[in-house]
Structure formats: C-alpha cells, structure tokens
PDB file of all heavy atoms in Angstrom:
ATOM      1  N   THR A   1       0.825  -1.217   0.000  1.00  0.00           N
ATOM      2  CA  THR A   1       0.000   0.000   0.000  1.00  0.00           C
ATOM      3  C   THR A   1       0.859   1.267   0.000  1.00  0.00           C
ATOM      4  O   THR A   1       0.623   2.160  -0.829  1.00  0.00           O
ATOM      5  CB  THR A   1      -0.976  -0.008   1.191  1.00  0.00           C
ATOM      6  OG1 THR A   1      -1.864  -1.127   1.052  1.00  0.00           O
ATOM      7  CG2 THR A   1      -1.798   1.276   1.227  1.00  0.00           C
ATOM      8  N   PRO A   2       1.865   1.394   0.883  1.00  0.00           N
ATOM      9  CA  PRO A   2       2.751   2.558   0.780  1.00  0.00           C
ATOM     10  C   PRO A   2       3.489   2.628  -0.559  1.00  0.00           C
ATOM     11  O   PRO A   2       3.687   3.718  -1.103  1.00  0.00           O
ATOM     12  CB  PRO A   2       3.736   2.366   1.938  1.00  0.00           C
ATOM     13  CG  PRO A   2       3.036   1.482   2.904  1.00  0.00           C
ATOM     14  CD  PRO A   2       2.185   0.575   2.062  1.00  0.00           C
ATOM     15  N   ALA A   3       3.868   1.457  -1.082  1.00  0.00           N
ATOM     16  CA  ALA A   3       4.549   1.433  -2.380  1.00  0.00           C
ATOM     17  C   ALA A   3       3.650   2.000  -3.472  1.00  0.00           C
ATOM     18  O   ALA A   3       4.084   2.804  -4.308  1.00  0.00           O
ATOM     19  CB  ALA A   3       4.980   0.013  -2.727  1.00  0.00           C
ATOM     20  N   ILE A   4       2.382   1.602  -3.463  1.00  0.00           N
ATOM     21  CA  ILE A   4       1.428   2.105  -4.454  1.00  0.00           C
ATOM     22  C   ILE A   4       1.316   3.612  -4.372  1.00  0.00           C
ATOM     23  O   ILE A   4       1.369   4.320  -5.399  1.00  0.00           O
ATOM     24  CB  ILE A   4       0.049   1.447  -4.244  1.00  0.00           C
ATOM     25  CG1 ILE A   4       0.103  -0.026  -4.679  1.00  0.00           C
ATOM     26  CG2 ILE A   4      -1.045   2.192  -5.014  1.00  0.00           C
ATOM     27  CD1 ILE A   4      -1.087  -0.841  -4.221  1.00  0.00           C
ATOM     28  N   GLN A   5       1.196   4.138  -3.168  1.00  0.00           N
ATOM     29  CA  GLN A   5       1.074   5.585  -2.996  1.00  0.00           C
ATOM     30  C   GLN A   5       2.307   6.317  -3.507  1.00  0.00           C
ATOM     31  O   GLN A   5       2.194   7.366  -4.154  1.00  0.00           O
ATOM     32  CB  GLN A   5       0.839   5.898  -1.512  1.00  0.00           C
ATOM     33  CG  GLN A   5      -0.495   5.376  -0.988  1.00  0.00           C
ATOM     34  CD  GLN A   5      -0.610   5.452   0.524  1.00  0.00           C
ATOM     35  OE1 GLN A   5       0.381   5.642   1.232  1.00  0.00           O
ATOM     36  NE2 GLN A   5      -1.827   5.296   1.033  1.00  0.00           N
ATOM     37  N   LEU A   6       3.468   5.747  -3.252  1.00  0.00           N
ATOM     38  CA  LEU A   6       4.712   6.397  -3.684  1.00  0.00           C
ATOM     39  C   LEU A   6       4.913   6.290  -5.189  1.00  0.00           C
ATOM     40  O   LEU A   6       5.387   7.234  -5.828  1.00  0.00           O
ATOM     41  CB  LEU A   6       5.898   5.801  -2.927  1.00  0.00           C
ATOM     42  CG  LEU A   6       5.982   6.237  -1.459  1.00  0.00           C
ATOM     43  CD1 LEU A   6       6.881   5.302  -0.664  1.00  0.00           C
ATOM     44  CD2 LEU A   6       6.500   7.678  -1.365  1.00  0.00           C
ATOM     45  N   PHE A   7       4.569   5.149  -5.787  1.00  0.00           N
ATOM     46  CA  PHE A   7       4.643   5.039  -7.253  1.00  0.00           C
ATOM     47  C   PHE A   7       3.682   6.040  -7.905  1.00  0.00           C
ATOM     48  O   PHE A   7       4.015   6.661  -8.927  1.00  0.00           O
ATOM     49  CB  PHE A   7       4.328   3.617  -7.711  1.00  0.00           C
ATOM     50  CG  PHE A   7       5.442   2.635  -7.488  1.00  0.00           C
ATOM     51  CD1 PHE A   7       5.210   1.433  -6.823  1.00  0.00           C
ATOM     52  CD2 PHE A   7       6.727   2.900  -7.947  1.00  0.00           C
ATOM     53  CE1 PHE A   7       6.238   0.520  -6.617  1.00  0.00           C
ATOM     54  CE2 PHE A   7       7.772   1.996  -7.748  1.00  0.00           C
ATOM     55  CZ  PHE A   7       7.521   0.801  -7.066  1.00  0.00           C
ATOM     56  N   GLU A   8       2.511   6.218  -7.308  1.00  0.00           N
ATOM     57  CA  GLU A   8       1.558   7.204  -7.834  1.00  0.00           C
ATOM     58  C   GLU A   8       2.126   8.618  -7.720  1.00  0.00           C
ATOM     59  O   GLU A   8       1.936   9.443  -8.627  1.00  0.00           O
ATOM     60  CB  GLU A   8       0.229   7.090  -7.088  1.00  0.00           C
ATOM     61  CG  GLU A   8      -0.558   5.843  -7.454  1.00  0.00           C
ATOM     62  CD  GLU A   8      -1.815   5.651  -6.612  1.00  0.00           C
ATOM     63  OE1 GLU A   8      -1.897   6.251  -5.509  1.00  0.00           O
ATOM     64  OE2 GLU A   8      -2.707   4.893  -7.056  1.00  0.00           O
ATOM     65  N   THR A   9       2.848   8.894  -6.628  1.00  0.00           N
ATOM     66  CA  THR A   9       3.486  10.206  -6.485  1.00  0.00           C
ATOM     67  C   THR A   9       4.532  10.415  -7.568  1.00  0.00           C
ATOM     68  O   THR A   9       4.628  11.501  -8.164  1.00  0.00           O
ATOM     69  CB  THR A   9       4.135  10.327  -5.093  1.00  0.00           C
ATOM     70  OG1 THR A   9       3.121  10.241  -4.097  1.00  0.00           O
ATOM     71  CG2 THR A   9       4.875  11.659  -4.952  1.00  0.00           C
ATOM     72  N   ALA A  10       5.321   9.387  -7.831  1.00  0.00           N
ATOM     73  CA  ALA A  10       6.343   9.485  -8.887  1.00  0.00           C
ATOM     74  C   ALA A  10       5.699   9.800 -10.232  1.00  0.00           C
ATOM     75  O   ALA A  10       6.204  10.627 -11.010  1.00  0.00           O
ATOM     76  CB  ALA A  10       7.139   8.187  -8.961  1.00  0.00           C
ATOM     77  N   ILE A  11       4.574   9.164 -10.507  1.00  0.00           N
ATOM     78  CA  ILE A  11       3.866   9.391 -11.774  1.00  0.00           C
ATOM     79  C   ILE A  11       3.271  10.796 -11.830  1.00  0.00           C
ATOM     80  O   ILE A  11       3.294  11.442 -12.884  1.00  0.00           O
ATOM     81  CB  ILE A  11       2.785   8.313 -11.968  1.00  0.00           C
ATOM     82  CG1 ILE A  11       3.450   6.960 -12.232  1.00  0.00           C
ATOM     83  CG2 ILE A  11       1.832   8.684 -13.106  1.00  0.00           C
ATOM     84  CD1 ILE A  11       2.517   5.772 -12.134  1.00  0.00           C
ATOM     85  N   GLN A  12       2.777  11.284 -10.699  1.00  0.00           N
ATOM     86  CA  GLN A  12       2.270  12.655 -10.657  1.00  0.00           C
ATOM     87  C   GLN A  12       3.383  13.654 -10.967  1.00  0.00           C
ATOM     88  O   GLN A  12       3.167  14.654 -11.652  1.00  0.00           O
ATOM     89  CB  GLN A  12       1.668  12.946  -9.281  1.00  0.00           C
ATOM     90  CG  GLN A  12       0.348  12.232  -9.019  1.00  0.00           C
ATOM     91  CD  GLN A  12      -0.100  12.353  -7.570  1.00  0.00           C
ATOM     92  OE1 GLN A  12       0.543  13.017  -6.762  1.00  0.00           O
ATOM     93  NE2 GLN A  12      -1.211  11.710  -7.239  1.00  0.00           N
ATOM     94  N   GLU A  13       4.578  13.368 -10.464  1.00  0.00           N
ATOM     95  CA  GLU A  13       5.710  14.255 -10.711  1.00  0.00           C
ATOM     96  C   GLU A  13       6.211  14.156 -12.145  1.00  0.00           C
ATOM     97  O   GLU A  13       6.684  15.139 -12.718  1.00  0.00           O
ATOM     98  CB  GLU A  13       6.858  13.941  -9.735  1.00  0.00           C
ATOM     99  CG  GLU A  13       6.551  14.233  -8.280  1.00  0.00           C
ATOM    100  CD  GLU A  13       6.410  15.710  -7.975  1.00  0.00           C
ATOM    101  OE1 GLU A  13       6.909  16.536  -8.781  1.00  0.00           O
ATOM    102  OE2 GLU A  13       5.808  16.055  -6.954  1.00  0.00           O
ATOM    103  N   ASN A  14       6.107  12.962 -12.713  1.00  0.00           N
ATOM    104  CA  ASN A  14       6.562  12.749 -14.086  1.00  0.00           C
ATOM    105  C   ASN A  14       5.647  11.721 -14.760  1.00  0.00           C
ATOM    106  O   ASN A  14       5.864  10.512 -14.632  1.00  0.00           O
ATOM    107  CB  ASN A  14       8.008  12.256 -14.116  1.00  0.00           C
ATOM    108  CG  ASN A  14       8.534  12.097 -15.527  1.00  0.00           C
ATOM    109  OD1 ASN A  14       7.781  12.167 -16.502  1.00  0.00           O
ATOM    110  ND2 ASN A  14       9.834  11.876 -15.664  1.00  0.00           N
ATOM    111  N   PRO A  15       4.619  12.190 -15.480  1.00  0.00           N
ATOM    112  CA  PRO A  15       3.654  11.280 -16.115  1.00  0.00           C
ATOM    113  C   PRO A  15       4.262  10.361 -17.173  1.00  0.00           C
ATOM    114  O   PRO A  15       3.586   9.417 -17.623  1.00  0.00           O
ATOM    115  CB  PRO A  15       2.632  12.238 -16.740  1.00  0.00           C
ATOM    116  CG  PRO A  15       2.776  13.511 -15.970  1.00  0.00           C
ATOM    117  CD  PRO A  15       4.229  13.609 -15.633  1.00  0.00           C
ATOM    118  N   ASN A  16       5.491  10.616 -17.577  1.00  0.00           N
ATOM    119  CA  ASN A  16       6.141   9.776 -18.585  1.00  0.00           C
ATOM    120  C   ASN A  16       7.103   8.763 -17.970  1.00  0.00           C
ATOM    121  O   ASN A  16       7.911   8.157 -18.682  1.00  0.00           O
ATOM    122  CB  ASN A  16       6.903  10.651 -19.579  1.00  0.00           C
ATOM    123  CG  ASN A  16       5.974  11.571 -20.355  1.00  0.00           C
ATOM    124  OD1 ASN A  16       4.920  11.138 -20.828  1.00  0.00           O
ATOM    125  ND2 ASN A  16       6.335  12.839 -20.467  1.00  0.00           N
ATOM    126  N   PHE A  17       7.033   8.571 -16.667  1.00  0.00           N
ATOM    127  CA  PHE A  17       7.933   7.679 -15.939  1.00  0.00           C
ATOM    128  C   PHE A  17       7.444   6.242 -16.133  1.00  0.00           C
ATOM    129  O   PHE A  17       6.667   5.713 -15.349  1.00  0.00           O
ATOM    130  CB  PHE A  17       7.943   8.069 -14.465  1.00  0.00           C
ATOM    131  CG  PHE A  17       9.111   7.560 -13.674  1.00  0.00           C
ATOM    132  CD1 PHE A  17       9.463   8.169 -12.476  1.00  0.00           C
ATOM    133  CD2 PHE A  17       9.859   6.462 -14.086  1.00  0.00           C
ATOM    134  CE1 PHE A  17      10.529   7.723 -11.727  1.00  0.00           C
ATOM    135  CE2 PHE A  17      10.929   5.998 -13.349  1.00  0.00           C
ATOM    136  CZ  PHE A  17      11.262   6.631 -12.155  1.00  0.00           C
ATOM    137  N   ASP A  18       7.937   5.599 -17.181  1.00  0.00           N
ATOM    138  CA  ASP A  18       7.397   4.294 -17.564  1.00  0.00           C
ATOM    139  C   ASP A  18       7.582   3.228 -16.484  1.00  0.00           C
ATOM    140  O   ASP A  18       6.657   2.478 -16.172  1.00  0.00           O
ATOM    141  CB  ASP A  18       7.985   3.830 -18.904  1.00  0.00           C
ATOM    142  CG  ASP A  18       9.508   3.854 -18.929  1.00  0.00           C
ATOM    143  OD1 ASP A  18      10.126   4.313 -17.949  1.00  0.00           O
ATOM    144  OD2 ASP A  18      10.087   3.430 -19.948  1.00  0.00           O
ATOM    145  N   ALA A  19       8.766   3.145 -15.883  1.00  0.00           N
ATOM    146  CA  ALA A  19       9.020   2.110 -14.879  1.00  0.00           C
ATOM    147  C   ALA A  19       8.099   2.251 -13.670  1.00  0.00           C
ATOM    148  O   ALA A  19       7.744   1.253 -13.036  1.00  0.00           O
ATOM    149  CB  ALA A  19      10.475   2.151 -14.432  1.00  0.00           C
ATOM    150  N   ALA A  20       7.704   3.474 -13.357  1.00  0.00           N
ATOM    151  CA  ALA A  20       6.794   3.685 -12.229  1.00  0.00           C
ATOM    152  C   ALA A  20       5.430   3.056 -12.507  1.00  0.00           C
ATOM    153  O   ALA A  20       4.798   2.492 -11.598  1.00  0.00           O
ATOM    154  CB  ALA A  20       6.649   5.180 -11.933  1.00  0.00           C
ATOM    155  N   TYR A  21       4.963   3.133 -13.755  1.00  0.00           N
ATOM    156  CA  TYR A  21       3.691   2.482 -14.109  1.00  0.00           C
ATOM    157  C   TYR A  21       3.810   0.958 -13.976  1.00  0.00           C
ATOM    158  O   TYR A  21       2.879   0.297 -13.487  1.00  0.00           O
ATOM    159  CB  TYR A  21       3.285   2.828 -15.541  1.00  0.00           C
ATOM    160  CG  TYR A  21       2.732   4.216 -15.718  1.00  0.00           C
ATOM    161  CD1 TYR A  21       3.500   5.230 -16.265  1.00  0.00           C
ATOM    162  CD2 TYR A  21       1.426   4.512 -15.337  1.00  0.00           C
ATOM    163  CE1 TYR A  21       3.000   6.512 -16.428  1.00  0.00           C
ATOM    164  CE2 TYR A  21       0.907   5.789 -15.498  1.00  0.00           C
ATOM    165  CZ  TYR A  21       1.699   6.787 -16.039  1.00  0.00           C
ATOM    166  OH  TYR A  21       1.191   8.046 -16.200  1.00  0.00           O
ATOM    167  N   TYR A  22       4.934   0.417 -14.404  1.00  0.00           N
ATOM    168  CA  TYR A  22       5.127  -1.030 -14.310  1.00  0.00           C
ATOM    169  C   TYR A  22       5.059  -1.493 -12.865  1.00  0.00           C
ATOM    170  O   TYR A  22       4.284  -2.407 -12.521  1.00  0.00           O
ATOM    171  CB  TYR A  22       6.475  -1.424 -14.934  1.00  0.00           C
ATOM    172  CG  TYR A  22       6.787  -2.897 -14.788  1.00  0.00           C
ATOM    173  CD1 TYR A  22       6.280  -3.822 -15.698  1.00  0.00           C
ATOM    174  CD2 TYR A  22       7.570  -3.359 -13.732  1.00  0.00           C
ATOM    175  CE1 TYR A  22       6.555  -5.181 -15.563  1.00  0.00           C
ATOM    176  CE2 TYR A  22       7.843  -4.709 -13.585  1.00  0.00           C
ATOM    177  CZ  TYR A  22       7.337  -5.616 -14.501  1.00  0.00           C
ATOM    178  OH  TYR A  22       7.602  -6.959 -14.353  1.00  0.00           O
ATOM    179  N   TRP A  23       5.856  -0.855 -12.005  1.00  0.00           N
ATOM    180  CA  TRP A  23       5.912  -1.300 -10.613  1.00  0.00           C
ATOM    181  C   TRP A  23       4.653  -0.919  -9.841  1.00  0.00           C
ATOM    182  O   TRP A  23       4.296  -1.598  -8.872  1.00  0.00           O
ATOM    183  CB  TRP A  23       7.181  -0.783  -9.950  1.00  0.00           C
ATOM    184  CG  TRP A  23       8.375  -1.534 -10.435  1.00  0.00           C
ATOM    185  CD1 TRP A  23       9.333  -1.109 -11.310  1.00  0.00           C
ATOM    186  CD2 TRP A  23       8.696  -2.885 -10.107  1.00  0.00           C
ATOM    187  NE1 TRP A  23      10.241  -2.102 -11.554  1.00  0.00           N
ATOM    188  CE2 TRP A  23       9.874  -3.212 -10.827  1.00  0.00           C
ATOM    189  CE3 TRP A  23       8.113  -3.857  -9.300  1.00  0.00           C
ATOM    190  CZ2 TRP A  23      10.469  -4.468 -10.742  1.00  0.00           C
ATOM    191  CZ3 TRP A  23       8.710  -5.106  -9.212  1.00  0.00           C
ATOM    192  CH2 TRP A  23       9.881  -5.405  -9.920  1.00  0.00           C
ATOM    193  N   LEU A  24       3.970   0.117 -10.276  1.00  0.00           N
ATOM    194  CA  LEU A  24       2.658   0.410  -9.696  1.00  0.00           C
ATOM    195  C   LEU A  24       1.711  -0.744  -9.983  1.00  0.00           C
ATOM    196  O   LEU A  24       0.996  -1.230  -9.085  1.00  0.00           O
ATOM    197  CB  LEU A  24       2.102   1.708 -10.271  1.00  0.00           C
ATOM    198  CG  LEU A  24       0.657   2.064  -9.885  1.00  0.00           C
ATOM    199  CD1 LEU A  24       0.525   2.220  -8.368  1.00  0.00           C
ATOM    200  CD2 LEU A  24       0.205   3.331 -10.601  1.00  0.00           C
ATOM    201  N   GLY A  25       1.707  -1.208 -11.239  1.00  0.00           N
ATOM    202  CA  GLY A  25       0.845  -2.325 -11.608  1.00  0.00           C
ATOM    203  C   GLY A  25       1.182  -3.597 -10.838  1.00  0.00           C
ATOM    204  O   GLY A  25       0.285  -4.306 -10.351  1.00  0.00           O
ATOM    205  N   ILE A  26       2.471  -3.884 -10.698  1.00  0.00           N
ATOM    206  CA  ILE A  26       2.879  -5.081  -9.967  1.00  0.00           C
ATOM    207  C   ILE A  26       2.473  -4.973  -8.498  1.00  0.00           C
ATOM    208  O   ILE A  26       1.982  -5.938  -7.893  1.00  0.00           O
ATOM    209  CB  ILE A  26       4.393  -5.298 -10.097  1.00  0.00           C
ATOM    210  CG1 ILE A  26       4.788  -5.522 -11.569  1.00  0.00           C
ATOM    211  CG2 ILE A  26       4.849  -6.472  -9.235  1.00  0.00           C
ATOM    212  CD1 ILE A  26       4.146  -6.722 -12.214  1.00  0.00           C
ATOM    213  N   SER A  27       2.649  -3.782  -7.915  1.00  0.00           N
ATOM    214  CA  SER A  27       2.268  -3.584  -6.507  1.00  0.00           C
ATOM    215  C   SER A  27       0.761  -3.737  -6.324  1.00  0.00           C
ATOM    216  O   SER A  27       0.293  -4.337  -5.345  1.00  0.00           O
ATOM    217  CB  SER A  27       2.708  -2.193  -6.034  1.00  0.00           C
ATOM    218  OG  SER A  27       4.115  -2.050  -6.118  1.00  0.00           O
ATOM    219  N   GLN A  28       0.004  -3.197  -7.261  1.00  0.00           N
ATOM    220  CA  GLN A  28      -1.450  -3.331  -7.190  1.00  0.00           C
ATOM    221  C   GLN A  28      -1.874  -4.795  -7.330  1.00  0.00           C
ATOM    222  O   GLN A  28      -2.803  -5.253  -6.646  1.00  0.00           O
ATOM    223  CB  GLN A  28      -2.105  -2.477  -8.278  1.00  0.00           C
ATOM    224  CG  GLN A  28      -1.964  -0.975  -8.009  1.00  0.00           C
ATOM    225  CD  GLN A  28      -2.245  -0.123  -9.224  1.00  0.00           C
ATOM    226  OE1 GLN A  28      -2.039  -0.551 -10.366  1.00  0.00           O
ATOM    227  NE2 GLN A  28      -2.706   1.102  -8.993  1.00  0.00           N
ATOM    228  N   LEU A  29      -1.169  -5.504  -8.184  1.00  0.00           N
ATOM    229  CA  LEU A  29      -1.450  -6.928  -8.348  1.00  0.00           C
ATOM    230  C   LEU A  29      -1.165  -7.684  -7.047  1.00  0.00           C
ATOM    231  O   LEU A  29      -1.979  -8.501  -6.603  1.00  0.00           O
ATOM    232  CB  LEU A  29      -0.600  -7.477  -9.493  1.00  0.00           C
ATOM    233  CG  LEU A  29      -0.883  -8.894  -9.986  1.00  0.00           C
ATOM    234  CD1 LEU A  29      -2.312  -9.035 -10.471  1.00  0.00           C
ATOM    235  CD2 LEU A  29       0.107  -9.272 -11.087  1.00  0.00           C
ATOM    236  N   LYS A  30      -0.023  -7.403  -6.434  1.00  0.00           N
ATOM    237  CA  LYS A  30       0.330  -8.036  -5.160  1.00  0.00           C
ATOM    238  C   LYS A  30      -0.676  -7.689  -4.077  1.00  0.00           C
ATOM    239  O   LYS A  30      -0.903  -8.477  -3.150  1.00  0.00           O
ATOM    240  CB  LYS A  30       1.728  -7.589  -4.724  1.00  0.00           C
ATOM    241  CG  LYS A  30       2.862  -8.043  -5.617  1.00  0.00           C
ATOM    242  CD  LYS A  30       3.139  -9.525  -5.447  1.00  0.00           C
ATOM    243  CE  LYS A  30       4.370  -9.951  -6.238  1.00  0.00           C
ATOM    244  NZ  LYS A  30       4.657 -11.407  -6.079  1.00  0.00           N
ATOM    245  N   ASN A  31      -1.272  -6.504  -4.187  1.00  0.00           N
ATOM    246  CA  ASN A  31      -2.227  -6.035  -3.189  1.00  0.00           C
ATOM    247  C   ASN A  31      -3.653  -6.526  -3.462  1.00  0.00           C
ATOM    248  O   ASN A  31      -4.575  -6.197  -2.726  1.00  0.00           O
ATOM    249  CB  ASN A  31      -2.219  -4.500  -3.153  1.00  0.00           C
ATOM    250  CG  ASN A  31      -2.383  -3.946  -1.750  1.00  0.00           C
ATOM    251  OD1 ASN A  31      -1.947  -4.563  -0.776  1.00  0.00           O
ATOM    252  ND2 ASN A  31      -2.997  -2.782  -1.629  1.00  0.00           N
TER     253      ASN A  31
END
C-alpha cells in the first residue's frame, strides 16, 4: 500500500515515468 502511494506520487511528478507504471501495476497486483 505505501509502495502504491509512492509510485503514484512518482507518476504525478513525471507522467512519462514508464518504470513507475510497471511497478505500480505489480504492486497493485500483489495487493
């Protein structure tokens, strides 16, 4: 859950941050 929030923050700061979308998806899947 904290990981998801932080990956979302990274994406808010840089919407083109591709790796952040990947790990956000993996974290959401794990959750």
